[in-house]
Amino acid sequence: MTQTKTYMIVIAKIEDRDAFIQGYGKAAGALVEQHGGRYVLRGPGAKLLEGDFGDGASMVISEWPNREAVETFWNSPEYQAAKLLRETISKCQVLIIDAPKFTQD
């Protein structure tokens, strides 16, 4: 039986991009890899088509082997310390979702 992959989606409004990348980005990036995740997309300039958050924001999508791996990363003391590096320079929404299993009958 194959495990369902899980995706973490981050929408971030960043006030100081250089500080964000040099501090939080480097620290979190190393931890994502260490915990079994991989980046699928990282980039600025999202265009909002509907809703009230995200126009011009940066988007990050990472893929994980399963939900447990994401939650282990998210709750780790190392990530909690890294997260402090972004608190004063960004506003973030973070979601996780399991990839649906599609079957052909």
PDB file of N, CA and C in Angstrom:
ATOM      1  N   MET A   1       0.839  -1.185   0.000  1.00  0.00           N
ATOM      2  CA  MET A   1       0.000   0.000   0.000  1.00  0.00           C
ATOM      3  C   MET A   1       0.883   1.247   0.000  1.00  0.00           C
ATOM      4  N   THR A   2       0.603   2.165  -0.878  1.00  0.00           N
ATOM      5  CA  THR A   2       1.395   3.385  -0.945  1.00  0.00           C
ATOM      6  C   THR A   2       0.834   4.434   0.011  1.00  0.00           C
ATOM      7  N   GLN A   3       1.724   5.218   0.566  1.00  0.00           N
ATOM      8  CA  GLN A   3       1.310   6.293   1.461  1.00  0.00           C
ATOM      9  C   GLN A   3       0.881   7.504   0.642  1.00  0.00           C
ATOM     10  N   THR A   4      -0.037   8.263   1.199  1.00  0.00           N
ATOM     11  CA  THR A   4      -0.482   9.486   0.562  1.00  0.00           C
ATOM     12  C   THR A   4       0.509  10.593   0.863  1.00  0.00           C
ATOM     13  N   LYS A   5       0.955  11.294  -0.146  1.00  0.00           N
ATOM     14  CA  LYS A   5       1.840  12.437   0.057  1.00  0.00           C
ATOM     15  C   LYS A   5       1.030  13.579   0.664  1.00  0.00           C
ATOM     16  N   THR A   6       1.713  14.420   1.403  1.00  0.00           N
ATOM     17  CA  THR A   6       1.089  15.587   2.010  1.00  0.00           C
ATOM     18  C   THR A   6       1.828  16.819   1.521  1.00  0.00           C
ATOM     19  N   TYR A   7       1.088  17.890   1.298  1.00  0.00           N
ATOM     20  CA  TYR A   7       1.669  19.141   0.839  1.00  0.00           C
ATOM     21  C   TYR A   7       1.466  20.220   1.893  1.00  0.00           C
ATOM     22  N   MET A   8       2.502  21.037   2.079  1.00  0.00           N
ATOM     23  CA  MET A   8       2.389  22.213   2.927  1.00  0.00           C
ATOM     24  C   MET A   8       2.412  23.427   2.011  1.00  0.00           C
ATOM     25  N   ILE A   9       1.429  24.298   2.200  1.00  0.00           N
ATOM     26  CA  ILE A   9       1.292  25.488   1.373  1.00  0.00           C
ATOM     27  C   ILE A   9       1.416  26.704   2.279  1.00  0.00           C
ATOM     28  N   VAL A  10       2.335  27.587   1.943  1.00  0.00           N
ATOM     29  CA  VAL A  10       2.571  28.798   2.726  1.00  0.00           C
ATOM     30  C   VAL A  10       2.324  30.002   1.827  1.00  0.00           C
ATOM     31  N   ILE A  11       1.510  30.922   2.322  1.00  0.00           N
ATOM     32  CA  ILE A  11       1.283  32.204   1.661  1.00  0.00           C
ATOM     33  C   ILE A  11       1.860  33.259   2.606  1.00  0.00           C
ATOM     34  N   ALA A  12       2.849  34.003   2.143  1.00  0.00           N
ATOM     35  CA  ALA A  12       3.558  34.921   3.034  1.00  0.00           C
ATOM     36  C   ALA A  12       3.638  36.331   2.466  1.00  0.00           C
ATOM     37  N   LYS A  13       3.235  37.299   3.250  1.00  0.00           N
ATOM     38  CA  LYS A  13       3.470  38.715   2.955  1.00  0.00           C
ATOM     39  C   LYS A  13       4.742  39.078   3.715  1.00  0.00           C
ATOM     40  N   ILE A  14       5.775  39.442   2.986  1.00  0.00           N
ATOM     41  CA  ILE A  14       7.098  39.649   3.587  1.00  0.00           C
ATOM     42  C   ILE A  14       7.463  41.122   3.533  1.00  0.00           C
ATOM     43  N   GLU A  15       7.832  41.680   4.676  1.00  0.00           N
ATOM     44  CA  GLU A  15       8.225  43.083   4.744  1.00  0.00           C
ATOM     45  C   GLU A  15       9.692  43.302   4.386  1.00  0.00           C
ATOM     46  N   ASP A  16      10.563  42.406   4.807  1.00  0.00           N
ATOM     47  CA  ASP A  16      11.995  42.530   4.537  1.00  0.00           C
ATOM     48  C   ASP A  16      12.469  41.222   3.913  1.00  0.00           C
ATOM     49  N   ARG A  17      12.417  41.162   2.579  1.00  0.00           N
ATOM     50  CA  ARG A  17      12.709  39.927   1.853  1.00  0.00           C
ATOM     51  C   ARG A  17      14.127  39.411   2.095  1.00  0.00           C
ATOM     52  N   ASP A  18      15.117  40.311   2.084  1.00  0.00           N
ATOM     53  CA  ASP A  18      16.503  39.868   2.301  1.00  0.00           C
ATOM     54  C   ASP A  18      16.679  39.236   3.671  1.00  0.00           C
ATOM     55  N   ALA A  19      16.154  39.881   4.704  1.00  0.00           N
ATOM     56  CA  ALA A  19      16.262  39.336   6.062  1.00  0.00           C
ATOM     57  C   ALA A  19      15.513  38.010   6.166  1.00  0.00           C
ATOM     58  N   PHE A  20      14.365  37.933   5.520  1.00  0.00           N
ATOM     59  CA  PHE A  20      13.561  36.714   5.540  1.00  0.00           C
ATOM     60  C   PHE A  20      14.341  35.553   4.921  1.00  0.00           C
ATOM     61  N   ILE A  21      14.909  35.774   3.741  1.00  0.00           N
ATOM     62  CA  ILE A  21      15.630  34.710   3.038  1.00  0.00           C
ATOM     63  C   ILE A  21      16.901  34.314   3.785  1.00  0.00           C
ATOM     64  N   GLN A  22      17.675  35.301   4.222  1.00  0.00           N
ATOM     65  CA  GLN A  22      18.941  35.012   4.894  1.00  0.00           C
ATOM     66  C   GLN A  22      18.761  34.355   6.262  1.00  0.00           C
ATOM     67  N   GLY A  23      17.708  34.724   6.973  1.00  0.00           N
ATOM     68  CA  GLY A  23      17.482  34.160   8.308  1.00  0.00           C
ATOM     69  C   GLY A  23      16.573  32.948   8.266  1.00  0.00           C
ATOM     70  N   TYR A  24      15.286  33.220   8.190  1.00  0.00           N
ATOM     71  CA  TYR A  24      14.287  32.153   8.226  1.00  0.00           C
ATOM     72  C   TYR A  24      14.428  31.189   7.052  1.00  0.00           C
ATOM     73  N   GLY A  25      14.577  31.709   5.845  1.00  0.00           N
ATOM     74  CA  GLY A  25      14.631  30.861   4.658  1.00  0.00           C
ATOM     75  C   GLY A  25      15.735  29.818   4.726  1.00  0.00           C
ATOM     76  N   LYS A  26      16.920  30.237   5.126  1.00  0.00           N
ATOM     77  CA  LYS A  26      18.045  29.292   5.227  1.00  0.00           C
ATOM     78  C   LYS A  26      17.803  28.262   6.324  1.00  0.00           C
ATOM     79  N   ALA A  27      17.341  28.734   7.484  1.00  0.00           N
ATOM     80  CA  ALA A  27      17.126  27.820   8.614  1.00  0.00           C
ATOM     81  C   ALA A  27      16.013  26.821   8.297  1.00  0.00           C
ATOM     82  N   ALA A  28      14.886  27.309   7.801  1.00  0.00           N
ATOM     83  CA  ALA A  28      13.752  26.427   7.511  1.00  0.00           C
ATOM     84  C   ALA A  28      14.068  25.481   6.361  1.00  0.00           C
ATOM     85  N   GLY A  29      14.760  25.983   5.340  1.00  0.00           N
ATOM     86  CA  GLY A  29      15.106  25.146   4.191  1.00  0.00           C
ATOM     87  C   GLY A  29      15.905  23.916   4.585  1.00  0.00           C
ATOM     88  N   ALA A  30      16.866  24.105   5.465  1.00  0.00           N
ATOM     89  CA  ALA A  30      17.676  22.965   5.917  1.00  0.00           C
ATOM     90  C   ALA A  30      16.817  21.972   6.697  1.00  0.00           C
ATOM     91  N   LEU A  31      15.883  22.482   7.489  1.00  0.00           N
ATOM     92  CA  LEU A  31      15.033  21.602   8.289  1.00  0.00           C
ATOM     93  C   LEU A  31      14.013  20.857   7.438  1.00  0.00           C
ATOM     94  N   VAL A  32      13.503  21.491   6.400  1.00  0.00           N
ATOM     95  CA  VAL A  32      12.562  20.816   5.497  1.00  0.00           C
ATOM     96  C   VAL A  32      13.225  19.571   4.924  1.00  0.00           C
ATOM     97  N   GLU A  33      14.417  19.737   4.399  1.00  0.00           N
ATOM     98  CA  GLU A  33      15.146  18.603   3.819  1.00  0.00           C
ATOM     99  C   GLU A  33      15.447  17.544   4.875  1.00  0.00           C
ATOM    100  N   GLN A  34      15.870  17.982   6.039  1.00  0.00           N
ATOM    101  CA  GLN A  34      16.219  17.070   7.133  1.00  0.00           C
ATOM    102  C   GLN A  34      15.024  16.210   7.562  1.00  0.00           C
ATOM    103  N   HIS A  35      13.820  16.750   7.451  1.00  0.00           N
ATOM    104  CA  HIS A  35      12.616  16.040   7.879  1.00  0.00           C
ATOM    105  C   HIS A  35      11.900  15.330   6.733  1.00  0.00           C
ATOM    106  N   GLY A  36      12.527  15.264   5.568  1.00  0.00           N
ATOM    107  CA  GLY A  36      11.971  14.478   4.471  1.00  0.00           C
ATOM    108  C   GLY A  36      11.110  15.239   3.480  1.00  0.00           C
ATOM    109  N   GLY A  37      11.062  16.569   3.604  1.00  0.00           N
ATOM    110  CA  GLY A  37      10.292  17.368   2.659  1.00  0.00           C
ATOM    111  C   GLY A  37      11.142  17.819   1.489  1.00  0.00           C
ATOM    112  N   ARG A  38      10.457  18.285   0.453  1.00  0.00           N
ATOM    113  CA  ARG A  38      11.172  18.880  -0.675  1.00  0.00           C
ATOM    114  C   ARG A  38      10.303  19.998  -1.227  1.00  0.00           C
ATOM    115  N   TYR A  39      10.967  21.058  -1.690  1.00  0.00           N
ATOM    116  CA  TYR A  39      10.237  22.188  -2.241  1.00  0.00           C
ATOM    117  C   TYR A  39       9.768  21.881  -3.655  1.00  0.00           C
ATOM    118  N   VAL A  40       8.508  22.195  -3.918  1.00  0.00           N
ATOM    119  CA  VAL A  40       7.925  22.064  -5.241  1.00  0.00           C
ATOM    120  C   VAL A  40       7.892  23.436  -5.905  1.00  0.00           C
ATOM    121  N   LEU A  41       7.630  24.474  -5.104  1.00  0.00           N
ATOM    122  CA  LEU A  41       7.558  25.840  -5.616  1.00  0.00           C
ATOM    123  C   LEU A  41       7.966  26.815  -4.516  1.00  0.00           C
ATOM    124  N   ARG A  42       8.776  27.799  -4.892  1.00  0.00           N
ATOM    125  CA  ARG A  42       9.116  28.921  -4.006  1.00  0.00           C
ATOM    126  C   ARG A  42       9.220  30.145  -4.884  1.00  0.00           C
ATOM    127  N   GLY A  43       8.364  31.137  -4.626  1.00  0.00           N
ATOM    128  CA  GLY A  43       8.457  32.328  -5.451  1.00  0.00           C
ATOM    129  C   GLY A  43       7.569  33.460  -4.975  1.00  0.00           C
ATOM    130  N   PRO A  44       7.977  34.680  -5.305  1.00  0.00           N
ATOM    131  CA  PRO A  44       7.185  35.858  -4.965  1.00  0.00           C
ATOM    132  C   PRO A  44       6.215  36.213  -6.087  1.00  0.00           C
ATOM    133  N   GLY A  45       5.328  37.155  -5.789  1.00  0.00           N
ATOM    134  CA  GLY A  45       4.505  37.751  -6.834  1.00  0.00           C
ATOM    135  C   GLY A  45       3.214  37.041  -7.152  1.00  0.00           C
ATOM    136  N   ALA A  46       2.595  36.394  -6.168  1.00  0.00           N
ATOM    137  CA  ALA A  46       1.309  35.728  -6.418  1.00  0.00           C
ATOM    138  C   ALA A  46       0.262  36.767  -6.815  1.00  0.00           C
ATOM    139  N   LYS A  47      -0.619  36.394  -7.708  1.00  0.00           N
ATOM    140  CA  LYS A  47      -1.707  37.279  -8.125  1.00  0.00           C
ATOM    141  C   LYS A  47      -3.008  36.756  -7.523  1.00  0.00           C
ATOM    142  N   LEU A  48      -3.647  37.599  -6.752  1.00  0.00           N
ATOM    143  CA  LEU A  48      -4.896  37.238  -6.103  1.00  0.00           C
ATOM    144  C   LEU A  48      -6.045  37.323  -7.098  1.00  0.00           C
ATOM    145  N   LEU A  49      -6.763  36.224  -7.278  1.00  0.00           N
ATOM    146  CA  LEU A  49      -7.923  36.209  -8.157  1.00  0.00           C
ATOM    147  C   LEU A  49      -9.224  36.299  -7.366  1.00  0.00           C
ATOM    148  N   GLU A  50      -9.203  35.855  -6.114  1.00  0.00           N
ATOM    149  CA  GLU A  50     -10.397  35.914  -5.273  1.00  0.00           C
ATOM    150  C   GLU A  50      -9.969  35.817  -3.818  1.00  0.00           C
ATOM    151  N   GLY A  51     -10.677  36.476  -2.942  1.00  0.00           N
ATOM    152  CA  GLY A  51     -10.369  36.430  -1.516  1.00  0.00           C
ATOM    153  C   GLY A  51      -9.748  37.729  -1.048  1.00  0.00           C
ATOM    154  N   ASP A  52      -9.189  37.704   0.159  1.00  0.00           N
ATOM    155  CA  ASP A  52      -8.668  38.945   0.719  1.00  0.00           C
ATOM    156  C   ASP A  52      -7.246  38.840   1.253  1.00  0.00           C
ATOM    157  N   PHE A  53      -6.527  37.789   0.908  1.00  0.00           N
ATOM    158  CA  PHE A  53      -5.144  37.656   1.369  1.00  0.00           C
ATOM    159  C   PHE A  53      -4.310  37.006   0.285  1.00  0.00           C
ATOM    160  N   GLY A  54      -3.170  37.604  -0.006  1.00  0.00           N
ATOM    161  CA  GLY A  54      -2.234  36.930  -0.886  1.00  0.00           C
ATOM    162  C   GLY A  54      -1.765  37.701  -2.099  1.00  0.00           C
ATOM    163  N   ASP A  55      -2.404  38.827  -2.442  1.00  0.00           N
ATOM    164  CA  ASP A  55      -1.953  39.551  -3.635  1.00  0.00           C
ATOM    165  C   ASP A  55      -0.519  40.026  -3.438  1.00  0.00           C
ATOM    166  N   GLY A  56       0.356  39.666  -4.342  1.00  0.00           N
ATOM    167  CA  GLY A  56       1.764  40.034  -4.271  1.00  0.00           C
ATOM    168  C   GLY A  56       2.574  39.186  -3.306  1.00  0.00           C
ATOM    169  N   ALA A  57       1.935  38.252  -2.659  1.00  0.00           N
ATOM    170  CA  ALA A  57       2.610  37.441  -1.640  1.00  0.00           C
ATOM    171  C   ALA A  57       3.576  36.439  -2.267  1.00  0.00           C
ATOM    172  N   SER A  58       4.429  35.924  -1.422  1.00  0.00           N
ATOM    173  CA  SER A  58       5.280  34.807  -1.804  1.00  0.00           C
ATOM    174  C   SER A  58       4.527  33.521  -1.509  1.00  0.00           C
ATOM    175  N   MET A  59       4.764  32.508  -2.328  1.00  0.00           N
ATOM    176  CA  MET A  59       4.136  31.206  -2.144  1.00  0.00           C
ATOM    177  C   MET A  59       5.227  30.155  -2.026  1.00  0.00           C
ATOM    178  N   VAL A  60       5.004  29.243  -1.122  1.00  0.00           N
ATOM    179  CA  VAL A  60       5.915  28.110  -0.965  1.00  0.00           C
ATOM    180  C   VAL A  60       5.053  26.860  -0.866  1.00  0.00           C
ATOM    181  N   ILE A  61       5.360  25.885  -1.696  1.00  0.00           N
ATOM    182  CA  ILE A  61       4.690  24.594  -1.619  1.00  0.00           C
ATOM    183  C   ILE A  61       5.776  23.538  -1.446  1.00  0.00           C
ATOM    184  N   SER A  62       5.617  22.732  -0.413  1.00  0.00           N
ATOM    185  CA  SER A  62       6.562  21.641  -0.199  1.00  0.00           C
ATOM    186  C   SER A  62       5.801  20.321  -0.147  1.00  0.00           C
ATOM    187  N   GLU A  63       6.470  19.272  -0.599  1.00  0.00           N
ATOM    188  CA  GLU A  63       5.885  17.928  -0.645  1.00  0.00           C
ATOM    189  C   GLU A  63       6.554  17.077   0.425  1.00  0.00           C
ATOM    190  N   TRP A  64       5.741  16.287   1.107  1.00  0.00           N
ATOM    191  CA  TRP A  64       6.213  15.453   2.214  1.00  0.00           C
ATOM    192  C   TRP A  64       5.737  14.024   2.019  1.00  0.00           C
ATOM    193  N   PRO A  65       6.441  13.069   2.603  1.00  0.00           N
ATOM    194  CA  PRO A  65       6.034  11.676   2.445  1.00  0.00           C
ATOM    195  C   PRO A  65       4.650  11.391   3.031  1.00  0.00           C
ATOM    196  N   ASN A  66       4.277  12.122   4.096  1.00  0.00           N
ATOM    197  CA  ASN A  66       2.992  11.917   4.758  1.00  0.00           C
ATOM    198  C   ASN A  66       2.752  13.053   5.744  1.00  0.00           C
ATOM    199  N   ARG A  67       1.560  13.083   6.321  1.00  0.00           N
ATOM    200  CA  ARG A  67       1.181  14.140   7.265  1.00  0.00           C
ATOM    201  C   ARG A  67       2.050  14.099   8.525  1.00  0.00           C
ATOM    202  N   GLU A  68       2.382  12.910   8.974  1.00  0.00           N
ATOM    203  CA  GLU A  68       3.200  12.766  10.179  1.00  0.00           C
ATOM    204  C   GLU A  68       4.558  13.469  10.014  1.00  0.00           C
ATOM    205  N   ALA A  69       5.160  13.365   8.838  1.00  0.00           N
ATOM    206  CA  ALA A  69       6.453  14.010   8.594  1.00  0.00           C
ATOM    207  C   ALA A  69       6.335  15.530   8.690  1.00  0.00           C
ATOM    208  N   VAL A  70       5.256  16.084   8.133  1.00  0.00           N
ATOM    209  CA  VAL A  70       5.042  17.534   8.206  1.00  0.00           C
ATOM    210  C   VAL A  70       4.855  17.961   9.656  1.00  0.00           C
ATOM    211  N   GLU A  71       4.034  17.230  10.379  1.00  0.00           N
ATOM    212  CA  GLU A  71       3.758  17.608  11.763  1.00  0.00           C
ATOM    213  C   GLU A  71       4.980  17.442  12.654  1.00  0.00           C
ATOM    214  N   THR A  72       5.804  16.444  12.385  1.00  0.00           N
ATOM    215  CA  THR A  72       7.053  16.289  13.132  1.00  0.00           C
ATOM    216  C   THR A  72       7.969  17.480  12.877  1.00  0.00           C
ATOM    217  N   PHE A  73       8.106  17.881  11.616  1.00  0.00           N
ATOM    218  CA  PHE A  73       8.875  19.076  11.258  1.00  0.00           C
ATOM    219  C   PHE A  73       8.307  20.303  11.965  1.00  0.00           C
ATOM    220  N   TRP A  74       6.993  20.537  11.806  1.00  0.00           N
ATOM    221  CA  TRP A  74       6.340  21.746  12.317  1.00  0.00           C
ATOM    222  C   TRP A  74       6.486  21.876  13.832  1.00  0.00           C
ATOM    223  N   ASN A  75       6.397  20.766  14.543  1.00  0.00           N
ATOM    224  CA  ASN A  75       6.441  20.791  16.004  1.00  0.00           C
ATOM    225  C   ASN A  75       7.832  20.623  16.592  1.00  0.00           C
ATOM    226  N   SER A  76       8.830  20.453  15.747  1.00  0.00           N
ATOM    227  CA  SER A  76      10.188  20.253  16.261  1.00  0.00           C
ATOM    228  C   SER A  76      10.710  21.520  16.935  1.00  0.00           C
ATOM    229  N   PRO A  77      11.497  21.370  17.985  1.00  0.00           N
ATOM    230  CA  PRO A  77      12.091  22.536  18.646  1.00  0.00           C
ATOM    231  C   PRO A  77      12.947  23.373  17.693  1.00  0.00           C
ATOM    232  N   GLU A  78      13.608  22.709  16.752  1.00  0.00           N
ATOM    233  CA  GLU A  78      14.450  23.429  15.795  1.00  0.00           C
ATOM    234  C   GLU A  78      13.617  24.337  14.894  1.00  0.00           C
ATOM    235  N   TYR A  79      12.461  23.835  14.441  1.00  0.00           N
ATOM    236  CA  TYR A  79      11.621  24.675  13.598  1.00  0.00           C
ATOM    237  C   TYR A  79      10.963  25.783  14.408  1.00  0.00           C
ATOM    238  N   GLN A  80      10.589  25.499  15.626  1.00  0.00           N
ATOM    239  CA  GLN A  80       9.998  26.544  16.464  1.00  0.00           C
ATOM    240  C   GLN A  80      10.981  27.698  16.649  1.00  0.00           C
ATOM    241  N   ALA A  81      12.259  27.386  16.780  1.00  0.00           N
ATOM    242  CA  ALA A  81      13.292  28.431  16.884  1.00  0.00           C
ATOM    243  C   ALA A  81      13.427  29.176  15.560  1.00  0.00           C
ATOM    244  N   ALA A  82      13.416  28.457  14.446  1.00  0.00           N
ATOM    245  CA  ALA A  82      13.541  29.096  13.126  1.00  0.00           C
ATOM    246  C   ALA A  82      12.355  30.010  12.860  1.00  0.00           C
ATOM    247  N   LYS A  83      11.173  29.588  13.256  1.00  0.00           N
ATOM    248  CA  LYS A  83       9.952  30.355  13.018  1.00  0.00           C
ATOM    249  C   LYS A  83      10.019  31.744  13.661  1.00  0.00           C
ATOM    250  N   LEU A  84      10.725  31.856  14.754  1.00  0.00           N
ATOM    251  CA  LEU A  84      10.886  33.152  15.414  1.00  0.00           C
ATOM    252  C   LEU A  84      11.572  34.170  14.506  1.00  0.00           C
ATOM    253  N   LEU A  85      12.384  33.696  13.565  1.00  0.00           N
ATOM    254  CA  LEU A  85      13.123  34.578  12.664  1.00  0.00           C
ATOM    255  C   LEU A  85      12.212  35.298  11.668  1.00  0.00           C
ATOM    256  N   ARG A  86      10.981  34.825  11.493  1.00  0.00           N
ATOM    257  CA  ARG A  86      10.074  35.449  10.534  1.00  0.00           C
ATOM    258  C   ARG A  86       8.941  36.229  11.182  1.00  0.00           C
ATOM    259  N   GLU A  87       8.781  36.107  12.488  1.00  0.00           N
ATOM    260  CA  GLU A  87       7.618  36.683  13.158  1.00  0.00           C
ATOM    261  C   GLU A  87       7.456  38.184  12.982  1.00  0.00           C
ATOM    262  N   THR A  88       8.528  38.935  13.031  1.00  0.00           N
ATOM    263  CA  THR A  88       8.415  40.396  12.962  1.00  0.00           C
ATOM    264  C   THR A  88       8.502  40.942  11.539  1.00  0.00           C
ATOM    265  N   ILE A  89       8.794  40.077  10.568  1.00  0.00           N
ATOM    266  CA  ILE A  89       8.992  40.584   9.201  1.00  0.00           C
ATOM    267  C   ILE A  89       8.049  39.963   8.181  1.00  0.00           C
ATOM    268  N   SER A  90       7.087  39.164   8.657  1.00  0.00           N
ATOM    269  CA  SER A  90       6.163  38.548   7.705  1.00  0.00           C
ATOM    270  C   SER A  90       4.842  38.194   8.376  1.00  0.00           C
ATOM    271  N   LYS A  91       3.846  38.031   7.528  1.00  0.00           N
ATOM    272  CA  LYS A  91       2.540  37.528   7.941  1.00  0.00           C
ATOM    273  C   LYS A  91       2.293  36.300   7.076  1.00  0.00           C
ATOM    274  N   CYS A  92       2.031  35.175   7.711  1.00  0.00           N
ATOM    275  CA  CYS A  92       1.926  33.924   6.958  1.00  0.00           C
ATOM    276  C   CYS A  92       0.627  33.182   7.236  1.00  0.00           C
ATOM    277  N   GLN A  93       0.153  32.496   6.209  1.00  0.00           N
ATOM    278  CA  GLN A  93      -0.880  31.482   6.339  1.00  0.00           C
ATOM    279  C   GLN A  93      -0.222  30.176   5.943  1.00  0.00           C
ATOM    280  N   VAL A  94      -0.425  29.146   6.750  1.00  0.00           N
ATOM    281  CA  VAL A  94       0.198  27.856   6.487  1.00  0.00           C
ATOM    282  C   VAL A  94      -0.885  26.786   6.537  1.00  0.00           C
ATOM    283  N   LEU A  95      -0.945  25.984   5.489  1.00  0.00           N
ATOM    284  CA  LEU A  95      -1.929  24.904   5.406  1.00  0.00           C
ATOM    285  C   LEU A  95      -1.223  23.613   5.041  1.00  0.00           C
ATOM    286  N   ILE A  96      -1.806  22.498   5.463  1.00  0.00           N
ATOM    287  CA  ILE A  96      -1.343  21.209   4.961  1.00  0.00           C
ATOM    288  C   ILE A  96      -2.550  20.463   4.418  1.00  0.00           C
ATOM    289  N   ILE A  97      -2.284  19.661   3.393  1.00  0.00           N
ATOM    290  CA  ILE A  97      -3.351  18.880   2.776  1.00  0.00           C
ATOM    291  C   ILE A  97      -2.757  17.587   2.217  1.00  0.00           C
ATOM    292  N   ASP A  98      -3.488  16.508   2.439  1.00  0.00           N
ATOM    293  CA  ASP A  98      -3.069  15.222   1.877  1.00  0.00           C
ATOM    294  C   ASP A  98      -3.492  15.158   0.419  1.00  0.00           C
ATOM    295  N   ALA A  99      -2.617  14.623  -0.410  1.00  0.00           N
ATOM    296  CA  ALA A  99      -2.946  14.447  -1.828  1.00  0.00           C
ATOM    297  C   ALA A  99      -4.037  13.393  -1.936  1.00  0.00           C
ATOM    298  N   PRO A 100      -5.035  13.650  -2.742  1.00  0.00           N
ATOM    299  CA  PRO A 100      -6.089  12.637  -2.885  1.00  0.00           C
ATOM    300  C   PRO A 100      -5.572  11.434  -3.651  1.00  0.00           C
ATOM    301  N   LYS A 101      -6.155  10.286  -3.346  1.00  0.00           N
ATOM    302  CA  LYS A 101      -5.834   9.069  -4.087  1.00  0.00           C
ATOM    303  C   LYS A 101      -6.874   8.918  -5.188  1.00  0.00           C
ATOM    304  N   PHE A 102      -6.413   8.875  -6.418  1.00  0.00           N
ATOM    305  CA  PHE A 102      -7.306   8.689  -7.550  1.00  0.00           C
ATOM    306  C   PHE A 102      -7.186   7.236  -8.028  1.00  0.00           C
ATOM    307  N   THR A 103      -8.306   6.636  -8.308  1.00  0.00           N
ATOM    308  CA  THR A 103      -8.284   5.266  -8.826  1.00  0.00           C
ATOM    309  C   THR A 103      -9.057   5.234 -10.133  1.00  0.00           C
ATOM    310  N   GLN A 104      -8.658   4.358 -11.001  1.00  0.00           N
ATOM    311  CA  GLN A 104      -9.369   4.169 -12.255  1.00  0.00           C
ATOM    312  C   GLN A 104     -10.103   2.832 -12.174  1.00  0.00           C
ATOM    313  N   ASP A 105     -11.385   2.867 -12.446  1.00  0.00           N
ATOM    314  CA  ASP A 105     -12.189   1.643 -12.397  1.00  0.00           C
ATOM    315  C   ASP A 105     -12.337   1.041 -13.769  1.00  0.00           C
TER     316      ASP A 105
END
